[in-house]
Amino acid sequence: MKKEFAIFFLAFLFLFFIVPQATYAQGLVPCGQTATNPCTFCDFFKLFENIVDFVLFTLVPPLAILMIVIGGAMFFFAAGDPGKLNQAKAILTSVVIGLIFIYTAWLLVGLFFMTIGVADWTGLQEGWFTIECS
């Protein structure tokens, strides 16, 4: 019971106190911090862009490195146990496949939008992933 309460309490602290502060600190929310900067409909798309960039380039790489280190440590300390070796290999394989899947999907969406000419009919000359609100 104490373990579940501790996990719930830490999750509560993380979700309600740390995450909102991190979103403002990282610049995820592009508007609304002051009364002179109200949110518009365009800011919703800017928020979506900021979240995608945050996940792809700030959150995924450290988590992938952490999982590679954990898998490598499990592989190193397996001491010839086939079950632990298979578990370590599965972790390492999953991380590599996950990274390939995530960044290939991002690349394919970008290539698709470039192919259909999104920059021509939206005015986003820097690419589909760059949104500027006035």
C-alpha atoms as a PDB file:
ATOM      1  CA  MET A   1       0.000   0.000   0.000  1.00  0.00           C
ATOM      2  CA  LYS A   2       2.818   2.409   0.822  1.00  0.00           C
ATOM      3  CA  LYS A   3       4.492   1.750  -2.512  1.00  0.00           C
ATOM      4  CA  GLU A   4       1.344   2.514  -4.506  1.00  0.00           C
ATOM      5  CA  PHE A   5       0.757   5.691  -2.500  1.00  0.00           C
ATOM      6  CA  ALA A   6       4.331   6.846  -3.080  1.00  0.00           C
ATOM      7  CA  ILE A   7       4.046   6.215  -6.828  1.00  0.00           C
ATOM      8  CA  PHE A   8       0.700   8.030  -6.969  1.00  0.00           C
ATOM      9  CA  PHE A   9       2.065  10.954  -4.957  1.00  0.00           C
ATOM     10  CA  LEU A  10       5.154  11.323  -7.164  1.00  0.00           C
ATOM     11  CA  ALA A  11       3.035  11.104 -10.313  1.00  0.00           C
ATOM     12  CA  PHE A  12       0.696  13.747  -8.880  1.00  0.00           C
ATOM     13  CA  LEU A  13       3.611  16.079  -8.131  1.00  0.00           C
ATOM     14  CA  PHE A  14       5.098  15.507 -11.561  1.00  0.00           C
ATOM     15  CA  LEU A  15       1.882  16.029 -13.523  1.00  0.00           C
ATOM     16  CA  PHE A  16       0.474  19.005 -11.658  1.00  0.00           C
ATOM     17  CA  PHE A  17       3.552  20.975 -10.642  1.00  0.00           C
ATOM     18  CA  ILE A  18       6.572  20.078 -12.745  1.00  0.00           C
ATOM     19  CA  VAL A  19       4.999  19.543 -16.193  1.00  0.00           C
ATOM     20  CA  PRO A  20       3.190  22.930 -16.384  1.00  0.00           C
ATOM     21  CA  GLN A  21       6.359  24.749 -15.335  1.00  0.00           C
ATOM     22  CA  ALA A  22       8.399  22.792 -17.891  1.00  0.00           C
ATOM     23  CA  THR A  23       5.987  23.680 -20.676  1.00  0.00           C
ATOM     24  CA  TYR A  24       6.393  27.382 -20.006  1.00  0.00           C
ATOM     25  CA  ALA A  25      10.153  27.037 -19.507  1.00  0.00           C
ATOM     26  CA  GLN A  26      10.591  25.052 -22.733  1.00  0.00           C
ATOM     27  CA  GLY A  27       8.354  27.461 -24.626  1.00  0.00           C
ATOM     28  CA  LEU A  28       5.782  24.820 -25.555  1.00  0.00           C
ATOM     29  CA  VAL A  29       2.836  27.145 -24.950  1.00  0.00           C
ATOM     30  CA  PRO A  30       3.372  30.058 -27.364  1.00  0.00           C
ATOM     31  CA  CYS A  31       0.846  32.459 -25.852  1.00  0.00           C
ATOM     32  CA  GLY A  32      -1.234  33.352 -22.834  1.00  0.00           C
ATOM     33  CA  GLN A  33       1.535  33.962 -20.292  1.00  0.00           C
ATOM     34  CA  THR A  34       0.532  37.617 -20.063  1.00  0.00           C
ATOM     35  CA  ALA A  35      -2.691  39.535 -20.649  1.00  0.00           C
ATOM     36  CA  THR A  36      -1.105  41.346 -23.604  1.00  0.00           C
ATOM     37  CA  ASN A  37      -0.398  38.069 -25.422  1.00  0.00           C
ATOM     38  CA  PRO A  38      -3.772  36.299 -25.811  1.00  0.00           C
ATOM     39  CA  CYS A  39      -4.042  32.951 -27.568  1.00  0.00           C
ATOM     40  CA  THR A  40      -5.339  32.718 -31.129  1.00  0.00           C
ATOM     41  CA  PHE A  41      -6.371  29.809 -33.330  1.00  0.00           C
ATOM     42  CA  CYS A  42      -2.955  29.823 -35.023  1.00  0.00           C
ATOM     43  CA  ASP A  43      -1.313  29.365 -31.609  1.00  0.00           C
ATOM     44  CA  PHE A  44      -3.016  25.970 -31.344  1.00  0.00           C
ATOM     45  CA  PHE A  45      -1.032  24.791 -34.381  1.00  0.00           C
ATOM     46  CA  LYS A  46       2.127  26.359 -32.989  1.00  0.00           C
ATOM     47  CA  LEU A  47       1.518  24.447 -29.740  1.00  0.00           C
ATOM     48  CA  PHE A  48       1.146  21.204 -31.708  1.00  0.00           C
ATOM     49  CA  GLU A  49       4.402  21.951 -33.559  1.00  0.00           C
ATOM     50  CA  ASN A  50       6.183  22.689 -30.279  1.00  0.00           C
ATOM     51  CA  ILE A  51       4.949  19.430 -28.731  1.00  0.00           C
ATOM     52  CA  VAL A  52       6.098  17.394 -31.756  1.00  0.00           C
ATOM     53  CA  ASP A  53       9.515  19.075 -31.704  1.00  0.00           C
ATOM     54  CA  PHE A  54       9.795  18.588 -27.935  1.00  0.00           C
ATOM     55  CA  VAL A  55       8.979  14.884 -28.156  1.00  0.00           C
ATOM     56  CA  LEU A  56      11.113  14.148 -31.228  1.00  0.00           C
ATOM     57  CA  PHE A  57      14.201  16.149 -30.381  1.00  0.00           C
ATOM     58  CA  THR A  58      14.182  16.693 -26.613  1.00  0.00           C
ATOM     59  CA  LEU A  59      12.412  13.717 -25.045  1.00  0.00           C
ATOM     60  CA  VAL A  60      13.097  10.727 -27.323  1.00  0.00           C
ATOM     61  CA  PRO A  61      16.934  10.889 -27.557  1.00  0.00           C
ATOM     62  CA  PRO A  62      17.628  10.865 -23.786  1.00  0.00           C
ATOM     63  CA  LEU A  63      15.057   8.099 -23.233  1.00  0.00           C
ATOM     64  CA  ALA A  64      16.601   6.057 -26.050  1.00  0.00           C
ATOM     65  CA  ILE A  65      20.080   6.522 -24.592  1.00  0.00           C
ATOM     66  CA  LEU A  66      18.793   5.519 -21.151  1.00  0.00           C
ATOM     67  CA  MET A  67      17.198   2.357 -22.535  1.00  0.00           C
ATOM     68  CA  ILE A  68      20.355   1.498 -24.509  1.00  0.00           C
ATOM     69  CA  VAL A  69      22.406   1.883 -21.321  1.00  0.00           C
ATOM     70  CA  ILE A  70      19.945  -0.296 -19.386  1.00  0.00           C
ATOM     71  CA  GLY A  71      19.954  -2.945 -22.130  1.00  0.00           C
ATOM     72  CA  GLY A  72      23.751  -2.833 -22.316  1.00  0.00           C
ATOM     73  CA  ALA A  73      24.074  -3.189 -18.540  1.00  0.00           C
ATOM     74  CA  MET A  74      21.660  -6.120 -18.575  1.00  0.00           C
ATOM     75  CA  PHE A  75      23.672  -7.665 -21.403  1.00  0.00           C
ATOM     76  CA  PHE A  76      26.929  -7.129 -19.498  1.00  0.00           C
ATOM     77  CA  PHE A  77      25.635  -8.487 -16.179  1.00  0.00           C
ATOM     78  CA  ALA A  78      23.726 -11.438 -17.668  1.00  0.00           C
ATOM     79  CA  ALA A  79      26.648 -13.751 -16.813  1.00  0.00           C
ATOM     80  CA  GLY A  80      25.699 -16.242 -19.506  1.00  0.00           C
ATOM     81  CA  ASP A  81      22.072 -16.635 -18.439  1.00  0.00           C
ATOM     82  CA  PRO A  82      20.164 -17.136 -21.728  1.00  0.00           C
ATOM     83  CA  GLY A  83      16.952 -15.623 -20.383  1.00  0.00           C
ATOM     84  CA  LYS A  84      18.640 -12.398 -19.310  1.00  0.00           C
ATOM     85  CA  LEU A  85      20.626 -12.243 -22.558  1.00  0.00           C
ATOM     86  CA  ASN A  86      17.427 -12.567 -24.586  1.00  0.00           C
ATOM     87  CA  GLN A  87      15.757  -9.872 -22.469  1.00  0.00           C
ATOM     88  CA  ALA A  88      18.723  -7.507 -22.996  1.00  0.00           C
ATOM     89  CA  LYS A  89      18.724  -8.180 -26.734  1.00  0.00           C
ATOM     90  CA  ALA A  90      14.972  -7.553 -26.869  1.00  0.00           C
ATOM     91  CA  ILE A  91      15.383  -4.175 -25.140  1.00  0.00           C
ATOM     92  CA  LEU A  92      18.187  -3.098 -27.466  1.00  0.00           C
ATOM     93  CA  THR A  93      16.302  -4.281 -30.546  1.00  0.00           C
ATOM     94  CA  SER A  94      13.107  -2.521 -29.439  1.00  0.00           C
ATOM     95  CA  VAL A  95      14.947   0.763 -28.904  1.00  0.00           C
ATOM     96  CA  VAL A  96      16.585   0.671 -32.327  1.00  0.00           C
ATOM     97  CA  ILE A  97      13.347  -0.324 -34.093  1.00  0.00           C
ATOM     98  CA  GLY A  98      11.437   2.374 -32.179  1.00  0.00           C
ATOM     99  CA  LEU A  99      13.935   5.071 -33.147  1.00  0.00           C
ATOM    100  CA  ILE A 100      13.855   3.996 -36.777  1.00  0.00           C
ATOM    101  CA  PHE A 101      10.043   3.970 -36.743  1.00  0.00           C
ATOM    102  CA  ILE A 102       9.686   7.404 -35.103  1.00  0.00           C
ATOM    103  CA  TYR A 103      12.144   9.294 -37.249  1.00  0.00           C
ATOM    104  CA  THR A 104      11.195   7.507 -40.476  1.00  0.00           C
ATOM    105  CA  ALA A 105       7.545   8.458 -39.917  1.00  0.00           C
ATOM    106  CA  TRP A 106       8.551  12.077 -39.364  1.00  0.00           C
ATOM    107  CA  LEU A 107      10.682  12.003 -42.512  1.00  0.00           C
ATOM    108  CA  LEU A 108       7.935  10.379 -44.612  1.00  0.00           C
ATOM    109  CA  VAL A 109       5.339  12.945 -43.540  1.00  0.00           C
ATOM    110  CA  GLY A 110       7.782  15.715 -44.431  1.00  0.00           C
ATOM    111  CA  LEU A 111       8.528  14.176 -47.815  1.00  0.00           C
ATOM    112  CA  PHE A 112       4.820  13.693 -48.520  1.00  0.00           C
ATOM    113  CA  PHE A 113       4.078  17.333 -47.723  1.00  0.00           C
ATOM    114  CA  MET A 114       7.002  18.462 -49.871  1.00  0.00           C
ATOM    115  CA  THR A 115       5.762  16.288 -52.732  1.00  0.00           C
ATOM    116  CA  ILE A 116       2.225  17.658 -52.702  1.00  0.00           C
ATOM    117  CA  GLY A 117       3.565  21.202 -52.406  1.00  0.00           C
ATOM    118  CA  VAL A 118       2.336  22.351 -49.021  1.00  0.00           C
ATOM    119  CA  ALA A 119       4.886  25.191 -49.040  1.00  0.00           C
ATOM    120  CA  ASP A 120       3.401  26.589 -52.253  1.00  0.00           C
ATOM    121  CA  TRP A 121      -0.216  26.874 -51.118  1.00  0.00           C
ATOM    122  CA  THR A 122       0.405  27.718 -47.437  1.00  0.00           C
ATOM    123  CA  GLY A 123       3.348  30.088 -47.706  1.00  0.00           C
ATOM    124  CA  LEU A 124       5.473  27.999 -45.326  1.00  0.00           C
ATOM    125  CA  GLN A 125       8.692  28.193 -47.321  1.00  0.00           C
ATOM    126  CA  GLU A 126      10.830  26.773 -44.469  1.00  0.00           C
ATOM    127  CA  GLY A 127       8.807  23.548 -44.367  1.00  0.00           C
ATOM    128  CA  TRP A 128       5.619  22.055 -42.977  1.00  0.00           C
ATOM    129  CA  PHE A 129       7.066  21.908 -39.479  1.00  0.00           C
ATOM    130  CA  THR A 130       7.600  25.692 -39.188  1.00  0.00           C
ATOM    131  CA  ILE A 131       4.551  27.730 -38.235  1.00  0.00           C
ATOM    132  CA  GLU A 132       4.704  31.456 -37.512  1.00  0.00           C
ATOM    133  CA  CYS A 133       1.769  33.210 -35.866  1.00  0.00           C
ATOM    134  CA  SER A 134       1.415  36.976 -36.034  1.00  0.00           C
END
